[in-house]
Amino acid sequence: MALPVRAVVGGHEVGDGRPLLLIAGPCVLESEAQGLAHARKVKALAAKHGVPVVFKASFDKANRTSVKSFRGVGLEAGLAVFERVKRETGLPCLTDVHEAWQAEPVGRVVDVLQIPAFLCRQTDLVLACARHGRSVNVKKGQFLAPRDMRHVVAKCREAGNENVVLTERGASFGYGNLVVDPRSLVIMRELGVPVCLDATHSVQLPGAAGDVTGGERQYVAPLARAAAAVGIDALFAEIHEDPEKARSDGPNSLDFEMADRVLADVLAIRRALGQP
């Protein structure tokens, strides 16, 4: 018998019988003005399509390829940006947590704590985020089989948190490439938690651009459409008003026009399948 699939993510009910949740925003906060401007555009995009939305961005990209790469505005400045975004747009916010001690200060401000794929097996980090009480989005490691994510879910539940989402973002396929196995979405959903496709990180080419990660944004739309047909509860997309000038993940980020088309396609597929 299938487990019921539901959770509350950023104040939105996600899972069986619920609308698709959009998680979108720039890869990294480049400034307060940039963060607020993108949040307003993300809100408008979601309103156009009638879907619930969580604004995402990172205050620190701790896993950049090169030590010289831009990492973000930092914890203190980043939390100030999220506070302003929430105050002026009303959007719930999501951001990465890289160290266990960050869960407490970040959880006081943002609505969803995200555990990066590289860190999904870090027990202290998972427990710290789950114990805080905020929703938790865990990205499946590029090195993990989808069934192995049951252990991550168990850690969150042991910490008393049922509001967990698992996100597929591709698996390592040789060197410098990722591949998405659609079965992963089905397998992880069988654990009784909502699943999300990270459509933009899934088209990364890790380390392929020398001292930065490359990407192939032309494949975002096909992957998103395929995932919608398989079944997802949320869609994660990095969106930048000018991806060519983005200071992180530009090659795999969408602009707002592209994001509009992708979201329209995904929702059309869901409607064809009788989903809200």
C-alpha atoms as a PDB file:
ATOM      1  CA  MET A   1       0.000   0.000   0.000  1.00  0.00           C
ATOM      2  CA  ALA A   2       1.444   3.356  -1.054  1.00  0.00           C
ATOM      3  CA  LEU A   3       2.289   5.821   1.682  1.00  0.00           C
ATOM      4  CA  PRO A   4       0.412   9.140   1.632  1.00  0.00           C
ATOM      5  CA  VAL A   5       2.612  11.864   0.188  1.00  0.00           C
ATOM      6  CA  ARG A   6       2.247  15.276   1.732  1.00  0.00           C
ATOM      7  CA  ALA A   7       4.214  17.983   3.502  1.00  0.00           C
ATOM      8  CA  VAL A   8       4.050  21.677   4.283  1.00  0.00           C
ATOM      9  CA  VAL A   9       6.796  23.590   2.517  1.00  0.00           C
ATOM     10  CA  GLY A  10       7.163  27.295   3.147  1.00  0.00           C
ATOM     11  CA  GLY A  11       3.553  27.429   4.323  1.00  0.00           C
ATOM     12  CA  HIS A  12       2.247  25.636   1.204  1.00  0.00           C
ATOM     13  CA  GLU A  13       0.705  22.158   1.256  1.00  0.00           C
ATOM     14  CA  VAL A  14       2.597  19.945  -1.191  1.00  0.00           C
ATOM     15  CA  GLY A  15       1.913  16.405  -2.334  1.00  0.00           C
ATOM     16  CA  ASP A  16      -1.123  14.309  -3.182  1.00  0.00           C
ATOM     17  CA  GLY A  17      -3.861  16.377  -4.779  1.00  0.00           C
ATOM     18  CA  ARG A  18      -2.046  19.651  -4.273  1.00  0.00           C
ATOM     19  CA  PRO A  19      -0.841  22.159  -6.908  1.00  0.00           C
ATOM     20  CA  LEU A  20       2.710  22.143  -8.185  1.00  0.00           C
ATOM     21  CA  LEU A  21       5.043  24.186  -5.979  1.00  0.00           C
ATOM     22  CA  LEU A  22       7.519  26.424  -7.787  1.00  0.00           C
ATOM     23  CA  ILE A  23      10.884  26.983  -6.084  1.00  0.00           C
ATOM     24  CA  ALA A  24      12.707  29.641  -8.058  1.00  0.00           C
ATOM     25  CA  GLY A  25      15.216  32.450  -7.946  1.00  0.00           C
ATOM     26  CA  PRO A  26      18.854  33.223  -8.728  1.00  0.00           C
ATOM     27  CA  CYS A  27      21.634  30.851  -7.784  1.00  0.00           C
ATOM     28  CA  VAL A  28      23.251  33.332  -5.437  1.00  0.00           C
ATOM     29  CA  LEU A  29      22.436  36.659  -3.843  1.00  0.00           C
ATOM     30  CA  GLU A  30      24.638  39.185  -5.628  1.00  0.00           C
ATOM     31  CA  SER A  31      23.258  42.237  -3.795  1.00  0.00           C
ATOM     32  CA  GLU A  32      20.155  43.355  -1.914  1.00  0.00           C
ATOM     33  CA  ALA A  33      18.778  45.097  -4.990  1.00  0.00           C
ATOM     34  CA  GLN A  34      19.350  42.031  -7.170  1.00  0.00           C
ATOM     35  CA  GLY A  35      17.670  39.712  -4.681  1.00  0.00           C
ATOM     36  CA  LEU A  36      14.607  41.919  -4.259  1.00  0.00           C
ATOM     37  CA  ALA A  37      14.209  42.523  -8.002  1.00  0.00           C
ATOM     38  CA  HIS A  38      14.366  38.810  -8.752  1.00  0.00           C
ATOM     39  CA  ALA A  39      11.939  37.989  -5.945  1.00  0.00           C
ATOM     40  CA  ARG A  40       9.375  40.380  -7.407  1.00  0.00           C
ATOM     41  CA  LYS A  41       9.729  38.803 -10.846  1.00  0.00           C
ATOM     42  CA  VAL A  42       9.457  35.299  -9.406  1.00  0.00           C
ATOM     43  CA  LYS A  43       6.267  36.340  -7.603  1.00  0.00           C
ATOM     44  CA  ALA A  44       4.817  37.736 -10.835  1.00  0.00           C
ATOM     45  CA  LEU A  45       5.718  34.560 -12.744  1.00  0.00           C
ATOM     46  CA  ALA A  46       3.989  32.351 -10.176  1.00  0.00           C
ATOM     47  CA  ALA A  47       0.933  34.624 -10.084  1.00  0.00           C
ATOM     48  CA  LYS A  48       0.622  34.460 -13.876  1.00  0.00           C
ATOM     49  CA  HIS A  49       0.431  30.673 -13.741  1.00  0.00           C
ATOM     50  CA  GLY A  50      -1.526  30.435 -10.499  1.00  0.00           C
ATOM     51  CA  VAL A  51       0.970  28.317  -8.584  1.00  0.00           C
ATOM     52  CA  PRO A  52       2.344  28.599  -5.040  1.00  0.00           C
ATOM     53  CA  VAL A  53       5.960  29.695  -4.912  1.00  0.00           C
ATOM     54  CA  VAL A  54       9.023  29.829  -2.670  1.00  0.00           C
ATOM     55  CA  PHE A  55      11.829  32.252  -3.472  1.00  0.00           C
ATOM     56  CA  LYS A  56      15.266  30.632  -3.453  1.00  0.00           C
ATOM     57  CA  ALA A  57      18.790  32.019  -3.425  1.00  0.00           C
ATOM     58  CA  SER A  58      22.054  31.259  -1.651  1.00  0.00           C
ATOM     59  CA  PHE A  59      23.784  33.665   0.708  1.00  0.00           C
ATOM     60  CA  ASP A  60      26.974  31.635   0.299  1.00  0.00           C
ATOM     61  CA  LYS A  61      28.020  29.139  -2.361  1.00  0.00           C
ATOM     62  CA  ALA A  62      30.435  27.132  -0.261  1.00  0.00           C
ATOM     63  CA  ASN A  63      31.056  24.545  -2.989  1.00  0.00           C
ATOM     64  CA  ARG A  64      32.338  26.728  -5.820  1.00  0.00           C
ATOM     65  CA  THR A  65      34.864  25.075  -8.146  1.00  0.00           C
ATOM     66  CA  SER A  66      37.514  27.773  -7.702  1.00  0.00           C
ATOM     67  CA  VAL A  67      38.546  29.654  -4.592  1.00  0.00           C
ATOM     68  CA  LYS A  68      38.444  32.802  -6.747  1.00  0.00           C
ATOM     69  CA  SER A  69      34.769  32.400  -7.670  1.00  0.00           C
ATOM     70  CA  PHE A  70      32.107  34.696  -6.205  1.00  0.00           C
ATOM     71  CA  ARG A  71      30.398  33.033  -3.239  1.00  0.00           C
ATOM     72  CA  GLY A  72      27.644  35.471  -2.309  1.00  0.00           C
ATOM     73  CA  VAL A  73      26.935  38.295   0.112  1.00  0.00           C
ATOM     74  CA  GLY A  74      27.510  36.222   3.248  1.00  0.00           C
ATOM     75  CA  LEU A  75      25.309  35.080   6.128  1.00  0.00           C
ATOM     76  CA  GLU A  76      24.518  38.370   7.858  1.00  0.00           C
ATOM     77  CA  ALA A  77      23.880  40.373   4.690  1.00  0.00           C
ATOM     78  CA  GLY A  78      22.015  37.446   3.120  1.00  0.00           C
ATOM     79  CA  LEU A  79      19.591  37.098   5.997  1.00  0.00           C
ATOM     80  CA  ALA A  80      18.919  40.832   5.820  1.00  0.00           C
ATOM     81  CA  VAL A  81      18.009  40.409   2.134  1.00  0.00           C
ATOM     82  CA  PHE A  82      15.641  37.543   2.904  1.00  0.00           C
ATOM     83  CA  GLU A  83      13.990  39.594   5.642  1.00  0.00           C
ATOM     84  CA  ARG A  84      13.378  42.400   3.163  1.00  0.00           C
ATOM     85  CA  VAL A  85      12.128  40.013   0.484  1.00  0.00           C
ATOM     86  CA  LYS A  86       9.611  38.526   2.912  1.00  0.00           C
ATOM     87  CA  ARG A  87       8.528  41.944   4.172  1.00  0.00           C
ATOM     88  CA  GLU A  88       8.089  43.553   0.750  1.00  0.00           C
ATOM     89  CA  THR A  89       6.838  40.616  -1.348  1.00  0.00           C
ATOM     90  CA  GLY A  90       5.295  38.257   1.179  1.00  0.00           C
ATOM     91  CA  LEU A  91       7.154  35.325  -0.364  1.00  0.00           C
ATOM     92  CA  PRO A  92       8.493  32.479   1.767  1.00  0.00           C
ATOM     93  CA  CYS A  93      12.232  31.944   1.254  1.00  0.00           C
ATOM     94  CA  LEU A  94      14.603  29.001   0.891  1.00  0.00           C
ATOM     95  CA  THR A  95      18.368  28.943   1.227  1.00  0.00           C
ATOM     96  CA  ASP A  96      21.225  26.481   1.628  1.00  0.00           C
ATOM     97  CA  VAL A  97      22.693  25.573   4.995  1.00  0.00           C
ATOM     98  CA  HIS A  98      26.247  24.248   4.826  1.00  0.00           C
ATOM     99  CA  GLU A  99      27.172  23.839   8.483  1.00  0.00           C
ATOM    100  CA  ALA A 100      25.124  22.619  11.431  1.00  0.00           C
ATOM    101  CA  TRP A 101      25.569  25.831  13.427  1.00  0.00           C
ATOM    102  CA  GLN A 102      23.980  27.843  10.606  1.00  0.00           C
ATOM    103  CA  ALA A 103      20.610  26.126  10.997  1.00  0.00           C
ATOM    104  CA  GLU A 104      19.610  28.214  14.008  1.00  0.00           C
ATOM    105  CA  PRO A 105      20.279  31.748  12.675  1.00  0.00           C
ATOM    106  CA  VAL A 106      19.088  30.876   9.163  1.00  0.00           C
ATOM    107  CA  GLY A 107      15.966  29.153  10.481  1.00  0.00           C
ATOM    108  CA  ARG A 108      14.962  32.283  12.364  1.00  0.00           C
ATOM    109  CA  VAL A 109      14.510  34.054   9.014  1.00  0.00           C
ATOM    110  CA  VAL A 110      13.926  31.689   6.091  1.00  0.00           C
ATOM    111  CA  ASP A 111      11.051  29.241   5.743  1.00  0.00           C
ATOM    112  CA  VAL A 112      12.803  26.282   4.101  1.00  0.00           C
ATOM    113  CA  LEU A 113      16.272  25.019   4.996  1.00  0.00           C
ATOM    114  CA  GLN A 114      17.994  23.337   2.075  1.00  0.00           C
ATOM    115  CA  ILE A 115      20.704  20.717   2.412  1.00  0.00           C
ATOM    116  CA  PRO A 116      23.035  20.689  -0.614  1.00  0.00           C
ATOM    117  CA  ALA A 117      23.504  17.461  -2.532  1.00  0.00           C
ATOM    118  CA  PHE A 118      27.174  17.146  -1.570  1.00  0.00           C
ATOM    119  CA  LEU A 119      26.172  17.272   2.125  1.00  0.00           C
ATOM    120  CA  CYS A 120      23.049  15.120   2.209  1.00  0.00           C
ATOM    121  CA  ARG A 121      24.799  12.373   4.213  1.00  0.00           C
ATOM    122  CA  GLN A 122      26.112  14.747   6.886  1.00  0.00           C
ATOM    123  CA  THR A 123      24.113  13.532   9.859  1.00  0.00           C
ATOM    124  CA  ASP A 124      24.791  16.508  12.148  1.00  0.00           C
ATOM    125  CA  LEU A 125      23.710  18.925   9.424  1.00  0.00           C
ATOM    126  CA  VAL A 126      20.533  16.980   8.581  1.00  0.00           C
ATOM    127  CA  LEU A 127      19.553  16.693  12.238  1.00  0.00           C
ATOM    128  CA  ALA A 128      20.266  20.362  12.962  1.00  0.00           C
ATOM    129  CA  CYS A 129      18.057  21.501  10.085  1.00  0.00           C
ATOM    130  CA  ALA A 130      15.285  19.038  10.875  1.00  0.00           C
ATOM    131  CA  ARG A 131      15.234  19.848  14.591  1.00  0.00           C
ATOM    132  CA  HIS A 132      14.801  23.532  13.928  1.00  0.00           C
ATOM    133  CA  GLY A 133      11.250  22.894  12.804  1.00  0.00           C
ATOM    134  CA  ARG A 134      11.381  24.585   9.423  1.00  0.00           C
ATOM    135  CA  SER A 135      10.607  22.670   6.236  1.00  0.00           C
ATOM    136  CA  VAL A 136      13.647  20.845   4.877  1.00  0.00           C
ATOM    137  CA  ASN A 137      14.532  20.337   1.220  1.00  0.00           C
ATOM    138  CA  VAL A 138      17.247  17.732   0.766  1.00  0.00           C
ATOM    139  CA  LYS A 139      18.945  17.397  -2.586  1.00  0.00           C
ATOM    140  CA  LYS A 140      19.887  13.841  -3.458  1.00  0.00           C
ATOM    141  CA  GLY A 141      23.632  13.445  -3.717  1.00  0.00           C
ATOM    142  CA  GLN A 142      25.050  12.946  -7.192  1.00  0.00           C
ATOM    143  CA  PHE A 143      26.705   9.846  -5.728  1.00  0.00           C
ATOM    144  CA  LEU A 144      23.624   8.243  -4.142  1.00  0.00           C
ATOM    145  CA  ALA A 145      21.029   5.783  -5.355  1.00  0.00           C
ATOM    146  CA  PRO A 146      17.516   7.142  -4.836  1.00  0.00           C
ATOM    147  CA  ARG A 147      16.598   4.364  -2.393  1.00  0.00           C
ATOM    148  CA  ASP A 148      19.491   5.432  -0.163  1.00  0.00           C
ATOM    149  CA  MET A 149      17.630   8.671   0.530  1.00  0.00           C
ATOM    150  CA  ARG A 150      15.426   6.662   2.895  1.00  0.00           C
ATOM    151  CA  HIS A 151      18.142   7.092   5.479  1.00  0.00           C
ATOM    152  CA  VAL A 152      18.023  10.879   5.130  1.00  0.00           C
ATOM    153  CA  VAL A 153      14.246  10.852   5.498  1.00  0.00           C
ATOM    154  CA  ALA A 154      14.589   8.644   8.582  1.00  0.00           C
ATOM    155  CA  LYS A 155      17.022  11.113  10.150  1.00  0.00           C
ATOM    156  CA  CYS A 156      14.590  13.976   9.611  1.00  0.00           C
ATOM    157  CA  ARG A 157      11.704  11.996  11.061  1.00  0.00           C
ATOM    158  CA  GLU A 158      13.816  10.904  14.010  1.00  0.00           C
ATOM    159  CA  ALA A 159      14.377  14.605  14.675  1.00  0.00           C
ATOM    160  CA  GLY A 160      10.612  15.123  14.647  1.00  0.00           C
ATOM    161  CA  ASN A 161      10.258  16.744  11.238  1.00  0.00           C
ATOM    162  CA  GLU A 162       7.778  15.363   8.677  1.00  0.00           C
ATOM    163  CA  ASN A 163       7.898  18.374   6.348  1.00  0.00           C
ATOM    164  CA  VAL A 164      10.610  17.007   4.088  1.00  0.00           C
ATOM    165  CA  VAL A 165      11.047  17.238   0.319  1.00  0.00           C
ATOM    166  CA  LEU A 166      13.576  15.230  -1.691  1.00  0.00           C
ATOM    167  CA  THR A 167      15.036  16.835  -4.798  1.00  0.00           C
ATOM    168  CA  GLU A 168      16.520  15.078  -7.797  1.00  0.00           C
ATOM    169  CA  ARG A 169      19.397  17.008  -9.387  1.00  0.00           C
ATOM    170  CA  GLY A 170      21.147  14.419 -11.482  1.00  0.00           C
ATOM    171  CA  ALA A 171      23.666  11.669 -10.840  1.00  0.00           C
ATOM    172  CA  SER A 172      27.341  11.664 -11.808  1.00  0.00           C
ATOM    173  CA  PHE A 173      27.801  10.093 -15.227  1.00  0.00           C
ATOM    174  CA  GLY A 174      31.494   9.725 -15.830  1.00  0.00           C
ATOM    175  CA  TYR A 175      33.480  12.930 -15.451  1.00  0.00           C
ATOM    176  CA  GLY A 176      31.961  16.366 -15.960  1.00  0.00           C
ATOM    177  CA  ASN A 177      28.441  15.168 -16.733  1.00  0.00           C
ATOM    178  CA  LEU A 178      25.155  14.420 -14.971  1.00  0.00           C
ATOM    179  CA  VAL A 179      22.200  12.273 -15.954  1.00  0.00           C
ATOM    180  CA  VAL A 180      18.652  12.176 -14.569  1.00  0.00           C
ATOM    181  CA  ASP A 181      17.042   8.773 -14.132  1.00  0.00           C
ATOM    182  CA  PRO A 182      13.258   9.397 -14.044  1.00  0.00           C
ATOM    183  CA  ARG A 183      12.827   6.295 -11.871  1.00  0.00           C
ATOM    184  CA  SER A 184      14.517   8.265  -9.102  1.00  0.00           C
ATOM    185  CA  LEU A 185      11.446  10.471  -8.733  1.00  0.00           C
ATOM    186  CA  VAL A 186       9.148   7.469  -8.384  1.00  0.00           C
ATOM    187  CA  ILE A 187      11.446   5.637  -5.983  1.00  0.00           C
ATOM    188  CA  MET A 188      11.918   8.609  -3.668  1.00  0.00           C
ATOM    189  CA  ARG A 189       8.183   9.384  -3.679  1.00  0.00           C
ATOM    190  CA  GLU A 190       7.553   5.817  -2.503  1.00  0.00           C
ATOM    191  CA  LEU A 191       9.274   6.874   0.736  1.00  0.00           C
ATOM    192  CA  GLY A 192       6.156   8.942   1.489  1.00  0.00           C
ATOM    193  CA  VAL A 193       7.656  12.374   0.859  1.00  0.00           C
ATOM    194  CA  PRO A 194       7.040  14.892  -1.937  1.00  0.00           C
ATOM    195  CA  VAL A 195       9.618  14.983  -4.705  1.00  0.00           C
ATOM    196  CA  CYS A 196      11.046  17.870  -6.669  1.00  0.00           C
ATOM    197  CA  LEU A 197      13.068  18.110  -9.855  1.00  0.00           C
ATOM    198  CA  ASP A 198      15.907  20.607  -9.829  1.00  0.00           C
ATOM    199  CA  ALA A 199      15.669  21.197 -13.554  1.00  0.00           C
ATOM    200  CA  THR A 200      18.572  23.611 -13.829  1.00  0.00           C
ATOM    201  CA  HIS A 201      21.266  21.953 -11.703  1.00  0.00           C
ATOM    202  CA  SER A 202      20.469  18.706 -13.503  1.00  0.00           C
ATOM    203  CA  VAL A 203      21.946  20.150 -16.694  1.00  0.00           C
ATOM    204  CA  GLN A 204      25.201  21.261 -15.102  1.00  0.00           C
ATOM    205  CA  LEU A 205      28.512  20.083 -16.529  1.00  0.00           C
ATOM    206  CA  PRO A 206      30.616  19.974 -13.343  1.00  0.00           C
ATOM    207  CA  GLY A 207      34.047  21.502 -13.830  1.00  0.00           C
ATOM    208  CA  ALA A 208      33.594  21.446 -17.600  1.00  0.00           C
ATOM    209  CA  ALA A 209      34.436  25.107 -18.103  1.00  0.00           C
ATOM    210  CA  GLY A 210      37.903  24.908 -16.579  1.00  0.00           C
ATOM    211  CA  ASP A 211      37.769  26.748 -13.268  1.00  0.00           C
ATOM    212  CA  VAL A 212      33.959  26.983 -13.233  1.00  0.00           C
ATOM    213  CA  THR A 213      31.045  24.622 -13.820  1.00  0.00           C
ATOM    214  CA  GLY A 214      29.430  24.651 -17.224  1.00  0.00           C
ATOM    215  CA  GLY A 215      25.869  23.871 -18.203  1.00  0.00           C
ATOM    216  CA  GLU A 216      23.416  23.204 -21.033  1.00  0.00           C
ATOM    217  CA  ARG A 217      20.263  25.195 -20.371  1.00  0.00           C
ATOM    218  CA  GLN A 218      18.726  24.013 -23.663  1.00  0.00           C
ATOM    219  CA  TYR A 219      17.956  20.718 -21.939  1.00  0.00           C
ATOM    220  CA  VAL A 220      16.096  22.214 -18.978  1.00  0.00           C
ATOM    221  CA  ALA A 221      12.728  22.227 -20.748  1.00  0.00           C
ATOM    222  CA  PRO A 222      12.858  18.593 -21.952  1.00  0.00           C
ATOM    223  CA  LEU A 223      13.874  17.380 -18.491  1.00  0.00           C
ATOM    224  CA  ALA A 224      11.142  19.399 -16.796  1.00  0.00           C
ATOM    225  CA  ARG A 225       8.502  18.076 -19.200  1.00  0.00           C
ATOM    226  CA  ALA A 226       9.671  14.496 -18.666  1.00  0.00           C
ATOM    227  CA  ALA A 227       9.580  14.918 -14.890  1.00  0.00           C
ATOM    228  CA  ALA A 228       6.062  16.355 -15.040  1.00  0.00           C
ATOM    229  CA  ALA A 229       4.937  13.280 -16.955  1.00  0.00           C
ATOM    230  CA  VAL A 230       6.577  10.954 -14.420  1.00  0.00           C
ATOM    231  CA  GLY A 231       5.167  12.897 -11.484  1.00  0.00           C
ATOM    232  CA  ILE A 232       6.630  15.669  -9.344  1.00  0.00           C
ATOM    233  CA  ASP A 233       5.256  17.759  -6.501  1.00  0.00           C
ATOM    234  CA  ALA A 234       7.598  20.711  -6.958  1.00  0.00           C
ATOM    235  CA  LEU A 235       9.777  22.222  -9.656  1.00  0.00           C
ATOM    236  CA  PHE A 236      13.062  23.912  -8.749  1.00  0.00           C
ATOM    237  CA  ALA A 237      14.607  26.331 -11.236  1.00  0.00           C
ATOM    238  CA  GLU A 238      17.355  28.884 -11.055  1.00  0.00           C
ATOM    239  CA  ILE A 239      16.241  32.010 -12.876  1.00  0.00           C
ATOM    240  CA  HIS A 240      18.347  35.086 -13.593  1.00  0.00           C
ATOM    241  CA  GLU A 241      17.250  38.166 -15.524  1.00  0.00           C
ATOM    242  CA  ASP A 242      20.502  37.938 -17.519  1.00  0.00           C
ATOM    243  CA  PRO A 243      22.083  34.481 -17.182  1.00  0.00           C
ATOM    244  CA  GLU A 244      25.141  35.488 -19.208  1.00  0.00           C
ATOM    245  CA  LYS A 245      25.998  37.982 -16.460  1.00  0.00           C
ATOM    246  CA  ALA A 246      25.074  35.762 -13.504  1.00  0.00           C
ATOM    247  CA  ARG A 247      27.916  35.398 -11.026  1.00  0.00           C
ATOM    248  CA  SER A 248      27.145  31.722 -10.423  1.00  0.00           C
ATOM    249  CA  ASP A 249      25.505  28.979 -12.518  1.00  0.00           C
ATOM    250  CA  GLY A 250      24.792  31.216 -15.493  1.00  0.00           C
ATOM    251  CA  PRO A 251      25.192  28.457 -18.129  1.00  0.00           C
ATOM    252  CA  ASN A 252      22.407  26.363 -16.620  1.00  0.00           C
ATOM    253  CA  SER A 253      20.117  29.183 -15.431  1.00  0.00           C
ATOM    254  CA  LEU A 254      16.953  30.243 -17.235  1.00  0.00           C
ATOM    255  CA  ASP A 255      15.912  33.781 -17.999  1.00  0.00           C
ATOM    256  CA  PHE A 256      12.345  34.741 -17.095  1.00  0.00           C
ATOM    257  CA  GLU A 257      11.005  34.276 -20.604  1.00  0.00           C
ATOM    258  CA  MET A 258      12.371  30.735 -20.753  1.00  0.00           C
ATOM    259  CA  ALA A 259      11.074  29.991 -17.262  1.00  0.00           C
ATOM    260  CA  ASP A 260       7.620  31.170 -18.320  1.00  0.00           C
ATOM    261  CA  ARG A 261       7.553  28.688 -21.208  1.00  0.00           C
ATOM    262  CA  VAL A 262       8.913  25.804 -19.123  1.00  0.00           C
ATOM    263  CA  LEU A 263       6.344  26.352 -16.383  1.00  0.00           C
ATOM    264  CA  ALA A 264       3.516  26.557 -18.922  1.00  0.00           C
ATOM    265  CA  ASP A 265       4.589  23.229 -20.453  1.00  0.00           C
ATOM    266  CA  VAL A 266       4.881  21.501 -17.079  1.00  0.00           C
ATOM    267  CA  LEU A 267       1.444  22.679 -15.994  1.00  0.00           C
ATOM    268  CA  ALA A 268      -0.111  21.623 -19.310  1.00  0.00           C
ATOM    269  CA  ILE A 269       1.259  18.106 -18.818  1.00  0.00           C
ATOM    270  CA  ARG A 270      -0.090  17.990 -15.279  1.00  0.00           C
ATOM    271  CA  ARG A 271      -3.532  19.045 -16.476  1.00  0.00           C
ATOM    272  CA  ALA A 272      -3.467  16.344 -19.142  1.00  0.00           C
ATOM    273  CA  LEU A 273      -2.817  13.837 -16.381  1.00  0.00           C
ATOM    274  CA  GLY A 274      -5.657  15.183 -14.267  1.00  0.00           C
ATOM    275  CA  GLN A 275      -3.381  16.832 -11.704  1.00  0.00           C
ATOM    276  CA  PRO A 276      -3.945  20.312 -10.235  1.00  0.00           C
END
